Amino acid sequence: MDANPAPMPDADRDDESGRYRTTYADADFLEALDVEGGMAGTQDVTDRVGCSYELAYKRLVALEDAGHVSSRKVGNARLWLLEGQ
């Protein structure tokens, strides 16, 4: 086992607490949707933001819970829509 594992690709450590913190703001995900015309799949958002698919999905779900985006299932994918678009 590697004594110094590679850092998580979508987070960095807080110097004081040692905990990981995200390096992506909610605005990054909202902007990615805006650039895509107000709607996009999770993979499209992942590609625009430059984060992992899992992180993008979790953050988009949180943004949906907060009322900033909505989503619907299209086939085997989820389509995310900016609210107010």
Protein backbone atom coordinates (compact mmCIF):
# COMPACT_ATOMS: atom_id res chain seq x y z
CA MET A 1 0.00 0.00 0.00
CA ASP A 2 1.28 3.44 -0.93
CA ALA A 3 2.16 5.52 2.16
CA ASN A 4 1.41 8.74 0.24
CA PRO A 5 -1.77 8.19 -1.75
CA ALA A 6 -2.51 10.55 -4.60
CA PRO A 7 -4.79 13.44 -3.65
CA MET A 8 -8.40 13.37 -4.68
CA PRO A 9 -8.62 14.98 -8.13
CA ASP A 10 -11.50 17.28 -7.26
CA ALA A 11 -10.49 18.39 -3.79
CA ASP A 12 -7.54 19.71 -1.83
CA ARG A 13 -6.66 19.65 1.86
CA ASP A 14 -7.28 22.46 4.29
CA ASP A 15 -3.92 23.22 5.94
CA GLU A 16 -5.40 23.61 9.42
CA SER A 17 -7.95 20.81 9.62
CA GLY A 18 -6.36 18.36 7.18
CA ARG A 19 -9.80 17.76 5.71
CA TYR A 20 -10.47 17.83 2.01
CA ARG A 21 -12.31 20.82 0.63
CA THR A 22 -13.81 21.13 -2.82
CA THR A 23 -12.19 23.34 -5.36
CA TYR A 24 -15.35 23.84 -7.39
CA ALA A 25 -17.96 26.45 -6.55
CA ASP A 26 -21.65 25.98 -7.22
CA ALA A 27 -21.26 28.73 -9.79
CA ASP A 28 -18.94 26.46 -11.82
CA PHE A 29 -21.76 23.94 -12.28
CA LEU A 30 -24.38 26.59 -12.97
CA GLU A 31 -22.09 28.28 -15.50
CA ALA A 32 -21.48 24.93 -17.23
CA LEU A 33 -25.24 24.54 -17.69
CA ASP A 34 -25.55 28.13 -18.89
CA VAL A 35 -22.81 27.64 -21.50
CA GLU A 36 -24.63 24.51 -22.69
CA GLY A 37 -27.78 26.57 -23.34
CA GLY A 38 -29.42 26.01 -19.95
CA MET A 39 -29.59 22.23 -20.20
CA ALA A 40 -27.04 19.43 -20.28
CA GLY A 41 -26.36 15.89 -19.23
CA THR A 42 -24.16 15.03 -16.29
CA GLN A 43 -21.25 14.08 -18.56
CA ASP A 44 -21.46 17.42 -20.38
CA VAL A 45 -21.24 19.25 -17.05
CA THR A 46 -18.37 16.98 -15.96
CA ASP A 47 -16.44 17.81 -19.14
CA ARG A 48 -17.00 21.57 -18.80
CA VAL A 49 -16.16 21.78 -15.09
CA GLY A 50 -13.26 19.32 -15.24
CA CYS A 51 -14.30 17.26 -12.24
CA SER A 52 -15.24 13.63 -11.73
CA TYR A 53 -18.63 12.38 -12.89
CA GLU A 54 -19.53 11.41 -9.33
CA LEU A 55 -18.75 14.89 -8.00
CA ALA A 56 -20.73 16.57 -10.79
CA TYR A 57 -23.74 14.35 -10.14
CA LYS A 58 -23.66 14.95 -6.38
CA ARG A 59 -23.29 18.70 -6.78
CA LEU A 60 -26.08 18.87 -9.37
CA VAL A 61 -28.38 16.91 -7.03
CA ALA A 62 -27.54 19.40 -4.25
CA LEU A 63 -28.26 22.31 -6.59
CA GLU A 64 -31.56 20.67 -7.50
CA ASP A 65 -32.43 20.27 -3.81
CA ALA A 66 -31.67 23.99 -3.35
CA GLY A 67 -33.96 24.91 -6.26
CA HIS A 68 -31.26 26.19 -8.64
CA VAL A 69 -31.66 23.43 -11.24
CA SER A 70 -34.19 20.77 -12.11
CA SER A 71 -33.72 17.45 -13.83
CA ARG A 72 -35.50 14.74 -15.69
CA LYS A 73 -34.59 11.26 -16.77
CA VAL A 74 -34.02 10.89 -20.52
CA GLY A 75 -33.36 7.29 -21.46
CA ASN A 76 -30.51 6.14 -19.27
CA ALA A 77 -29.22 9.66 -18.53
CA ARG A 78 -30.24 12.64 -16.45
CA LEU A 79 -30.84 15.99 -18.14
CA TRP A 80 -30.15 19.00 -15.91
CA LEU A 81 -31.93 22.31 -16.53
CA LEU A 82 -31.22 25.75 -15.11
CA GLU A 83 -34.23 27.09 -13.28
CA GLY A 84 -35.72 30.18 -14.91
CA GLN A 85 -34.56 29.19 -18.39
